[in-house]
Amino acid sequence: MSELALLGGPKARLEPYPAWPVWDQRDIDAVTEVIRSGRWGGFPYPGPKTAALAEQFAALQGGGYAVPMANGTITMEVACRAAGIGWGDEVIVPAYTFQATAAAPMAAGAIPVIADVDPQTYCIDPKAVERAITSRTRAIIPVHLGHQMADMDALMEIATRHHLIVIEDCAHAHGAKWRGQGAGTIGDFGSFSLQSSKILTSGEGGILLCRDAVMAGRAAGIIDCGRPHQAGGGPETHDGEYLMGSNFRLSEIIAALALVGLERFPEQARQREAMAAYMDEALSEVSGVRVLQRDPRHTTRSFYRYVFAVKPEEFGLEHDMVCAALDAEGVDCWTGYEAMHHYTLFQPQNSKLAVPNAFPQYFKFEEMNLPEAERACEHEAVWLDEAIFRCGQQGVDDAVEALKKIQQNAKELAEAAKKLKER
């Protein structure tokens, strides 16, 4: 019998990792309170729970003006619209991220220009950003990916020099810090998601952090059907500027769940960071594995997922087989996103921005050369579930032992995979 669970052997870990999301009576009580209040939705904006969430989330990240809204894609669209970015403007986005990072600017009428990533972090490469800038460029959307942060020093220097807006995509970076400064407070805007898989979740929802109080007021107006709002995103006013807006408000029920999540978050973040440091050291001893480089300026890490790379020529397997084998061993993992120019969920050619006489030249994906993103997506990256880091050293030890087991039996697995393909 094979030693590998994928080939019929025993699992490395029999006990499931902790479930997500975490919930208890506090969540039930919080939602019950809102239901009994009769004020369930988001109008008038912001409701009391939403206003409390804005205040407490800004405190968690260490600054900015928080505007809660429907989800963490709308946040980036609203940031573009609040900053006056629209039809025909270019917004530089990384090649390795969820499709929303590129789709959100398009919803505002802007063109996503795809830039390659740094192989040491898988975050957007500042040198690639510099090469992508044209006279049409208005903004950069760096993504803090998995458990890494983009090089914000370099990106802010580029943005300042070229007069560009920076919208940090922080969907994975709740609680993260760069030089002690919270993710989402360094650029002009910080976009956060509260979707089900995120490490601070209320099922759905998003929060836009704005560095400028006036921009926060504009963002609040855009999501509240265009009603004028006070600077800082405060309650609507009866005078002031009406905007072209839509209803992207956050409901009071979702805000209530997010507030309970904020109570739990500091201890969960502490657990993840302590165990991820232990994982760094343990993985460095596994042959054919590359631990992603941690920049010393990245002073506090956040762990939506822990991402590392396999070296297929040394490990003996590419990442898809490693992930399949780890899953079989009881260690939840994922191969990660597709490169943006190959991404099944990203179909800009179906947008009117790509029709003849508009901007079809931007979406000639077959001509794009994004080697680092392609290498990560197609060969290297392994994304471990955050739950591994919420059950002590044993959780990490089991994951590392499973990986060692796969590496030691890589030849057998590769041969089995080859025979399966030949059938």
Protein backbone atom coordinates (compact mmCIF):
# COMPACT_ATOMS: atom_id res chain seq x y z
CA MET A 1 0.00 0.00 0.00
CA SER A 2 1.15 3.52 -0.78
CA GLU A 3 2.00 5.86 2.07
CA LEU A 4 0.10 8.66 0.34
CA ALA A 5 -3.57 9.17 1.19
CA LEU A 6 -4.24 10.20 -2.41
CA LEU A 7 -3.13 6.70 -3.49
CA GLY A 8 -5.00 4.82 -0.76
CA GLY A 9 -2.68 5.24 2.22
CA PRO A 10 -3.52 6.65 5.68
CA LYS A 11 -4.13 10.36 6.19
CA ALA A 12 -1.50 12.48 7.92
CA ARG A 13 -4.24 14.34 9.84
CA LEU A 14 -7.49 12.69 10.85
CA GLU A 15 -9.04 15.53 12.86
CA PRO A 16 -10.57 18.37 10.80
CA TYR A 17 -9.09 21.82 11.20
CA PRO A 18 -11.32 24.43 12.92
CA ALA A 19 -14.35 25.57 10.93
CA TRP A 20 -14.82 29.08 9.56
CA PRO A 21 -16.60 31.32 10.25
CA VAL A 22 -16.49 31.12 14.03
CA TRP A 23 -19.78 31.94 15.74
CA ASP A 24 -21.42 31.74 19.16
CA GLN A 25 -24.30 33.21 21.15
CA ARG A 26 -22.91 36.72 20.73
CA ASP A 27 -23.69 36.62 17.00
CA ILE A 28 -27.23 35.41 17.63
CA ASP A 29 -27.78 38.10 20.27
CA ALA A 30 -26.38 40.84 18.01
CA VAL A 31 -28.64 39.91 15.09
CA THR A 32 -31.63 39.47 17.41
CA GLU A 33 -31.09 42.97 18.78
CA VAL A 34 -31.19 44.43 15.27
CA ILE A 35 -34.27 42.43 14.30
CA ARG A 36 -36.11 43.59 17.41
CA SER A 37 -35.12 47.19 16.72
CA GLY A 38 -36.99 47.14 13.42
CA ARG A 39 -34.09 48.90 11.71
CA TRP A 40 -32.69 46.13 9.51
CA GLY A 41 -31.46 47.86 6.38
CA GLY A 42 -28.99 50.60 5.61
CA PHE A 43 -31.31 53.61 5.27
CA PRO A 44 -30.93 56.22 6.58
CA TYR A 45 -27.17 55.84 6.18
CA PRO A 46 -25.29 55.17 8.32
CA GLY A 47 -27.36 53.29 10.88
CA PRO A 48 -26.09 53.01 14.47
CA LYS A 49 -24.41 49.61 13.98
CA THR A 50 -22.85 50.74 10.70
CA ALA A 51 -21.54 53.93 12.29
CA ALA A 52 -20.04 51.92 15.17
CA LEU A 53 -18.42 49.54 12.69
CA ALA A 54 -16.87 52.46 10.79
CA GLU A 55 -15.39 53.90 13.96
CA GLN A 56 -14.06 50.61 15.33
CA PHE A 57 -12.64 49.41 12.03
CA ALA A 58 -10.73 52.65 11.48
CA ALA A 59 -9.32 52.19 14.98
CA LEU A 60 -8.25 48.61 14.16
CA GLN A 61 -6.34 49.78 11.08
CA GLY A 62 -4.95 52.82 12.84
CA GLY A 63 -6.53 55.68 10.93
CA GLY A 64 -8.55 56.88 8.00
CA TYR A 65 -12.26 57.48 7.56
CA ALA A 66 -14.18 54.22 7.17
CA VAL A 67 -17.22 53.92 4.91
CA PRO A 68 -18.91 50.49 5.21
CA MET A 69 -20.73 49.29 2.09
CA ALA A 70 -22.21 46.27 0.32
CA ASN A 71 -19.05 44.33 -0.53
CA GLY A 72 -15.32 44.50 -1.14
CA THR A 73 -15.61 44.93 -4.91
CA ILE A 74 -17.93 47.94 -4.76
CA THR A 75 -15.35 49.52 -2.43
CA MET A 76 -12.80 49.75 -5.25
CA GLU A 77 -15.34 50.96 -7.80
CA VAL A 78 -16.51 53.65 -5.36
CA ALA A 79 -12.92 54.70 -4.66
CA CYS A 80 -12.38 55.22 -8.39
CA ARG A 81 -15.60 57.19 -8.73
CA ALA A 82 -14.94 59.32 -5.64
CA ALA A 83 -11.51 60.22 -7.06
CA GLY A 84 -12.99 61.15 -10.44
CA ILE A 85 -11.50 58.16 -12.26
CA GLY A 86 -13.68 57.02 -15.14
CA TRP A 87 -14.08 56.54 -18.86
CA GLY A 88 -10.80 55.76 -20.62
CA ASP A 89 -8.58 56.31 -17.59
CA GLU A 90 -6.01 53.61 -16.91
CA VAL A 91 -5.68 51.84 -13.56
CA ILE A 92 -2.69 49.55 -13.00
CA VAL A 93 -3.54 46.22 -11.32
CA PRO A 94 -1.50 43.09 -10.55
CA ALA A 95 -1.64 39.96 -12.67
CA TYR A 96 -2.06 37.73 -9.61
CA THR A 97 -5.24 38.50 -7.66
CA PHE A 98 -8.98 37.86 -7.64
CA GLN A 99 -10.75 39.14 -10.75
CA ALA A 100 -12.54 41.85 -8.75
CA THR A 101 -9.35 43.94 -8.59
CA ALA A 102 -9.48 44.35 -12.36
CA ALA A 103 -13.27 44.29 -12.74
CA ALA A 104 -13.95 47.09 -10.23
CA PRO A 105 -12.24 49.88 -12.22
CA MET A 106 -14.11 48.70 -15.31
CA ALA A 107 -17.39 49.20 -13.47
CA ALA A 108 -16.35 52.85 -13.09
CA GLY A 109 -15.50 53.02 -16.81
CA ALA A 110 -11.72 52.77 -16.38
CA ILE A 111 -9.30 50.37 -18.05
CA PRO A 112 -7.33 47.85 -15.97
CA VAL A 113 -3.71 47.64 -17.12
CA ILE A 114 -2.18 44.38 -15.91
CA ALA A 115 1.33 44.41 -14.41
CA ASP A 116 3.48 41.45 -13.39
CA VAL A 117 4.32 40.50 -9.80
CA ASP A 118 7.45 40.19 -7.71
CA PRO A 119 8.40 36.49 -7.49
CA GLN A 120 9.62 36.95 -3.91
CA THR A 121 6.22 38.10 -2.60
CA TYR A 122 3.70 37.49 -5.44
CA CYS A 123 2.56 41.11 -4.94
CA ILE A 124 2.68 43.71 -7.72
CA ASP A 125 6.21 44.55 -8.85
CA PRO A 126 6.94 48.31 -8.58
CA LYS A 127 9.28 48.06 -11.59
CA ALA A 128 6.43 46.60 -13.66
CA VAL A 129 4.18 49.42 -12.45
CA GLU A 130 6.71 52.01 -13.57
CA ARG A 131 6.87 50.41 -17.04
CA ALA A 132 3.07 50.41 -17.34
CA ILE A 133 2.52 54.12 -16.69
CA THR A 134 1.27 56.22 -19.61
CA SER A 135 -0.31 59.64 -20.00
CA ARG A 136 -3.70 58.00 -19.32
CA THR A 137 -2.71 56.39 -16.00
CA ARG A 138 -4.70 57.69 -13.04
CA ALA A 139 -4.32 55.07 -10.31
CA ILE A 140 -2.56 51.97 -8.99
CA ILE A 141 -4.36 49.18 -7.13
CA PRO A 142 -1.72 47.15 -5.26
CA VAL A 143 -3.00 43.94 -3.67
CA HIS A 144 -1.75 42.71 -0.31
CA LEU A 145 -1.87 39.03 -1.19
CA GLY A 146 -2.39 36.02 1.06
CA HIS A 147 -0.11 36.99 3.94
CA GLN A 148 2.14 39.46 2.12
CA MET A 149 2.06 43.21 1.62
CA ALA A 150 3.08 45.02 -1.55
CA ASP A 151 6.13 47.32 -1.37
CA MET A 152 4.25 50.42 -0.28
CA ASP A 153 7.37 52.59 -0.02
CA ALA A 154 8.22 52.08 -3.67
CA LEU A 155 4.61 52.32 -4.86
CA MET A 156 3.90 55.53 -2.96
CA GLU A 157 7.09 57.09 -4.34
CA ILE A 158 5.99 56.20 -7.88
CA ALA A 159 2.46 57.48 -7.23
CA THR A 160 3.71 60.77 -5.80
CA ARG A 161 6.10 61.32 -8.69
CA HIS A 162 3.41 60.62 -11.31
CA HIS A 163 0.47 62.19 -9.41
CA LEU A 164 -1.46 58.91 -9.17
CA ILE A 165 -4.16 57.72 -6.79
CA VAL A 166 -3.34 54.58 -4.77
CA ILE A 167 -6.19 52.24 -3.84
CA GLU A 168 -4.88 49.45 -1.60
CA ASP A 169 -6.75 46.18 -2.10
CA CYS A 170 -6.68 44.89 1.47
CA ALA A 171 -9.22 42.06 1.13
CA HIS A 172 -6.58 39.75 2.67
CA ALA A 173 -4.93 42.27 4.99
CA HIS A 174 -7.17 43.10 7.95
CA GLY A 175 -4.82 44.05 10.78
CA ALA A 176 -1.65 44.03 8.65
CA LYS A 177 0.92 46.81 9.07
CA TRP A 178 3.75 48.27 6.99
CA ARG A 179 6.37 50.14 9.07
CA GLY A 180 3.78 50.08 11.86
CA GLN A 181 1.13 51.77 9.70
CA GLY A 182 -2.09 49.90 9.01
CA ALA A 183 -2.81 48.45 5.59
CA GLY A 184 -5.34 50.65 3.83
CA THR A 185 -4.14 53.84 5.55
CA ILE A 186 -0.99 54.35 3.45
CA GLY A 187 -2.55 55.01 0.06
CA ASP A 188 -5.47 57.31 -0.73
CA PHE A 189 -7.94 54.48 -0.15
CA GLY A 190 -7.98 51.03 1.41
CA SER A 191 -10.51 48.45 0.24
CA PHE A 192 -11.52 45.65 2.64
CA SER A 193 -13.86 42.70 2.17
CA LEU A 194 -16.06 41.06 4.82
CA GLN A 195 -17.05 38.16 2.55
CA SER A 196 -17.47 34.67 4.04
CA SER A 197 -13.90 33.45 3.54
CA LYS A 198 -12.22 36.61 4.86
CA ILE A 199 -10.50 36.67 8.26
CA LEU A 200 -12.96 39.33 9.44
CA THR A 201 -16.33 38.30 8.07
CA SER A 202 -20.01 39.08 8.31
CA GLY A 203 -20.92 36.86 5.34
CA GLU A 204 -20.84 39.75 2.87
CA GLY A 205 -19.94 43.42 3.13
CA GLY A 206 -17.00 45.72 2.59
CA ILE A 207 -15.31 48.76 4.10
CA LEU A 208 -13.56 51.56 2.24
CA LEU A 209 -10.96 53.45 4.27
CA CYS A 210 -10.36 56.96 2.95
CA ARG A 211 -7.31 59.04 3.87
CA ASP A 212 -9.19 62.26 3.08
CA ALA A 213 -12.41 63.24 4.90
CA VAL A 214 -13.86 64.89 1.80
CA MET A 215 -13.34 61.70 -0.22
CA ALA A 216 -15.06 59.73 2.54
CA GLY A 217 -18.05 62.04 2.27
CA ARG A 218 -18.14 61.55 -1.49
CA ALA A 219 -17.89 57.77 -1.09
CA ALA A 220 -20.77 57.79 1.40
CA GLY A 221 -22.85 59.82 -1.05
CA ILE A 222 -22.12 57.49 -3.97
CA ILE A 223 -23.31 54.43 -2.04
CA ASP A 224 -26.37 56.24 -0.65
CA CYS A 225 -28.08 56.96 -3.98
CA GLY A 226 -26.14 60.20 -4.43
CA ARG A 227 -27.32 61.96 -1.27
CA PRO A 228 -24.88 64.56 0.06
CA HIS A 229 -22.93 63.43 3.13
CA GLN A 230 -20.72 65.19 5.60
CA ALA A 231 -16.95 65.02 5.13
CA GLY A 232 -15.73 61.88 6.83
CA GLY A 233 -18.70 59.86 5.59
CA GLY A 234 -21.07 61.14 8.29
CA PRO A 235 -24.88 61.35 8.06
CA GLU A 236 -26.51 62.87 5.01
CA THR A 237 -27.09 66.60 4.89
CA HIS A 238 -29.91 68.64 3.38
CA ASP A 239 -27.53 70.91 1.53
CA GLY A 240 -24.34 70.17 -0.31
CA GLU A 241 -23.44 68.31 -3.49
CA TYR A 242 -25.69 65.60 -4.92
CA LEU A 243 -23.78 62.88 -6.76
CA MET A 244 -24.53 60.18 -9.31
CA GLY A 245 -25.01 57.29 -6.88
CA SER A 246 -26.55 53.89 -6.29
CA ASN A 247 -27.71 51.86 -3.31
CA PHE A 248 -24.59 50.08 -2.08
CA ARG A 249 -25.36 50.60 1.61
CA LEU A 250 -24.47 48.04 4.29
CA SER A 251 -27.39 46.58 6.26
CA GLU A 252 -27.55 46.88 10.04
CA ILE A 253 -27.73 43.07 10.36
CA ILE A 254 -24.42 42.64 8.55
CA ALA A 255 -22.84 45.48 10.54
CA ALA A 256 -23.91 43.79 13.78
CA LEU A 257 -22.20 40.53 12.76
CA ALA A 258 -19.06 42.43 11.77
CA LEU A 259 -18.91 44.15 15.15
CA VAL A 260 -18.92 40.78 16.92
CA GLY A 261 -16.21 39.60 14.53
CA LEU A 262 -14.13 42.61 15.52
CA GLU A 263 -14.31 41.47 19.15
CA ARG A 264 -12.76 38.11 18.24
CA PHE A 265 -10.30 39.40 15.68
CA PRO A 266 -7.29 40.42 17.83
CA GLU A 267 -6.91 36.99 19.45
CA GLN A 268 -7.44 35.17 16.14
CA ALA A 269 -4.83 37.41 14.49
CA ARG A 270 -2.38 36.75 17.32
CA GLN A 271 -2.82 32.97 16.93
CA ARG A 272 -2.33 33.10 13.18
CA GLU A 273 0.77 35.28 13.30
CA ALA A 274 2.47 33.20 16.03
CA MET A 275 1.84 29.90 14.24
CA ALA A 276 2.75 31.30 10.82
CA ALA A 277 6.18 32.30 12.16
CA TYR A 278 6.54 28.71 13.35
CA MET A 279 5.48 27.55 9.86
CA ASP A 280 8.15 29.75 8.22
CA GLU A 281 10.86 27.96 10.14
CA ALA A 282 9.39 24.48 9.65
CA LEU A 283 8.92 24.88 5.88
CA SER A 284 12.48 26.07 5.39
CA GLU A 285 13.57 22.52 6.23
CA VAL A 286 11.47 20.86 3.49
CA SER A 287 13.37 20.05 0.32
CA GLY A 288 12.07 21.73 -2.82
CA VAL A 289 10.02 24.37 -0.97
CA ARG A 290 10.54 28.14 -1.13
CA VAL A 291 9.17 30.28 1.69
CA LEU A 292 8.07 33.66 0.33
CA GLN A 293 10.30 36.50 1.45
CA ARG A 294 9.07 38.63 4.33
CA ASP A 295 10.06 42.25 3.95
CA PRO A 296 11.30 43.61 7.33
CA ARG A 297 9.15 46.70 6.74
CA HIS A 298 6.10 44.42 6.89
CA THR A 299 5.91 44.71 10.65
CA THR A 300 2.61 42.91 11.32
CA ARG A 301 1.38 40.14 9.05
CA SER A 302 -2.20 39.10 8.38
CA PHE A 303 -3.15 35.63 7.17
CA TYR A 304 -6.06 35.23 4.79
CA ARG A 305 -4.02 32.33 3.46
CA TYR A 306 -0.41 31.28 3.97
CA VAL A 307 1.27 31.07 0.57
CA PHE A 308 4.52 29.29 -0.27
CA ALA A 309 6.11 27.98 -3.46
CA VAL A 310 7.25 24.57 -4.54
CA LYS A 311 10.19 24.25 -6.90
CA PRO A 312 8.81 21.62 -9.28
CA GLU A 313 12.23 20.54 -10.55
CA GLU A 314 13.44 19.91 -6.98
CA PHE A 315 10.23 18.87 -5.24
CA GLY A 316 9.36 16.43 -8.00
CA LEU A 317 5.79 17.69 -8.50
CA GLU A 318 4.04 20.82 -9.66
CA HIS A 319 1.73 22.67 -7.31
CA ASP A 320 -1.57 21.20 -8.50
CA MET A 321 -0.46 17.67 -7.57
CA VAL A 322 0.97 18.91 -4.27
CA CYS A 323 -2.35 20.57 -3.40
CA ALA A 324 -4.37 17.50 -4.37
CA ALA A 325 -2.12 15.33 -2.22
CA LEU A 326 -2.27 17.73 0.74
CA ASP A 327 -6.06 17.84 0.56
CA ALA A 328 -6.14 14.04 0.64
CA GLU A 329 -3.88 14.08 3.70
CA GLY A 330 -6.41 16.25 5.56
CA VAL A 331 -4.65 19.60 5.01
CA ASP A 332 -6.91 22.13 3.28
CA CYS A 333 -5.14 24.04 0.54
CA TRP A 334 -5.58 25.62 -2.88
CA THR A 335 -3.52 26.30 -6.00
CA GLY A 336 -4.48 30.01 -5.98
CA TYR A 337 -5.82 32.36 -8.63
CA GLU A 338 -5.34 32.08 -12.37
CA ALA A 339 -3.15 34.76 -13.94
CA MET A 340 -5.39 37.69 -14.83
CA HIS A 341 -4.87 37.39 -18.60
CA HIS A 342 -5.91 33.70 -18.42
CA TYR A 343 -8.57 34.07 -15.73
CA THR A 344 -11.86 32.29 -16.45
CA LEU A 345 -13.78 34.76 -14.25
CA PHE A 346 -12.30 37.82 -15.97
CA GLN A 347 -14.02 38.38 -19.33
CA PRO A 348 -13.47 42.04 -20.30
CA GLN A 349 -14.00 41.20 -23.97
CA ASN A 350 -17.69 40.96 -23.11
CA SER A 351 -17.67 44.55 -21.88
CA LYS A 352 -18.44 47.54 -24.06
CA LEU A 353 -15.03 48.87 -23.10
CA ALA A 354 -13.59 46.26 -25.47
CA VAL A 355 -15.89 46.77 -28.46
CA PRO A 356 -14.52 48.29 -31.71
CA ASN A 357 -13.90 52.03 -31.43
CA ALA A 358 -13.57 51.82 -27.67
CA PHE A 359 -10.47 50.27 -26.07
CA PRO A 360 -9.99 46.74 -27.50
CA GLN A 361 -6.20 47.14 -27.58
CA TYR A 362 -6.01 46.68 -23.80
CA PHE A 363 -7.42 43.17 -23.83
CA LYS A 364 -5.15 41.34 -26.29
CA PHE A 365 -4.29 38.77 -23.66
CA GLU A 366 -2.52 36.44 -26.07
CA GLU A 367 0.14 39.13 -26.57
CA MET A 368 0.77 39.75 -22.86
CA ASN A 369 4.01 38.60 -21.25
CA LEU A 370 3.56 38.11 -17.50
CA PRO A 371 6.06 35.35 -16.68
CA GLU A 372 6.19 35.69 -12.90
CA ALA A 373 2.42 35.55 -12.47
CA GLU A 374 2.21 32.62 -14.87
CA ARG A 375 4.92 30.74 -12.98
CA ALA A 376 3.15 31.27 -9.66
CA CYS A 377 -0.29 30.36 -11.00
CA GLU A 378 0.65 27.42 -13.18
CA HIS A 379 3.57 25.78 -11.38
CA GLU A 380 4.54 27.02 -7.91
CA ALA A 381 2.04 28.52 -5.50
CA VAL A 382 0.42 26.56 -2.66
CA TRP A 383 -2.16 28.38 -0.52
CA LEU A 384 -2.73 26.88 2.94
CA ASP A 385 -6.01 27.53 4.76
CA GLU A 386 -5.87 29.96 7.68
CA ALA A 387 -7.53 27.37 9.96
CA ILE A 388 -4.18 25.55 10.18
CA PHE A 389 -2.91 28.45 12.27
CA ARG A 390 -5.81 28.49 14.76
CA CYS A 391 -5.15 25.11 16.41
CA GLY A 392 -1.67 25.42 17.88
CA GLN A 393 1.64 23.88 16.89
CA GLN A 394 0.05 20.51 16.22
CA GLY A 395 -1.91 21.97 13.33
CA VAL A 396 1.27 23.31 11.73
CA ASP A 397 3.24 20.15 12.49
CA ASP A 398 0.60 18.00 10.81
CA ALA A 399 0.63 20.18 7.68
CA VAL A 400 4.43 20.15 7.46
CA GLU A 401 4.62 16.39 8.05
CA ALA A 402 2.05 15.86 5.30
CA LEU A 403 4.13 17.98 2.93
CA LYS A 404 7.30 16.04 3.82
CA LYS A 405 5.45 12.79 3.23
CA ILE A 406 4.39 13.98 -0.23
CA GLN A 407 7.90 15.16 -1.06
CA GLN A 408 9.40 11.82 -0.02
CA ASN A 409 6.92 9.98 -2.24
CA ALA A 410 6.84 12.50 -5.09
CA LYS A 411 8.21 10.05 -7.64
CA GLU A 412 5.45 7.53 -6.95
CA LEU A 413 2.78 10.21 -7.21
CA ALA A 414 4.23 11.61 -10.44
CA GLU A 415 4.25 8.14 -11.99
CA ALA A 416 0.66 7.51 -10.91
CA ALA A 417 -0.42 10.84 -12.39
CA LYS A 418 1.35 10.04 -15.66
CA LYS A 419 -0.42 6.67 -15.95
CA LEU A 420 -3.77 8.33 -15.28
CA LYS A 421 -3.18 10.85 -18.08
CA GLU A 422 -2.23 8.08 -20.51
CA ARG A 423 -5.54 6.28 -20.05
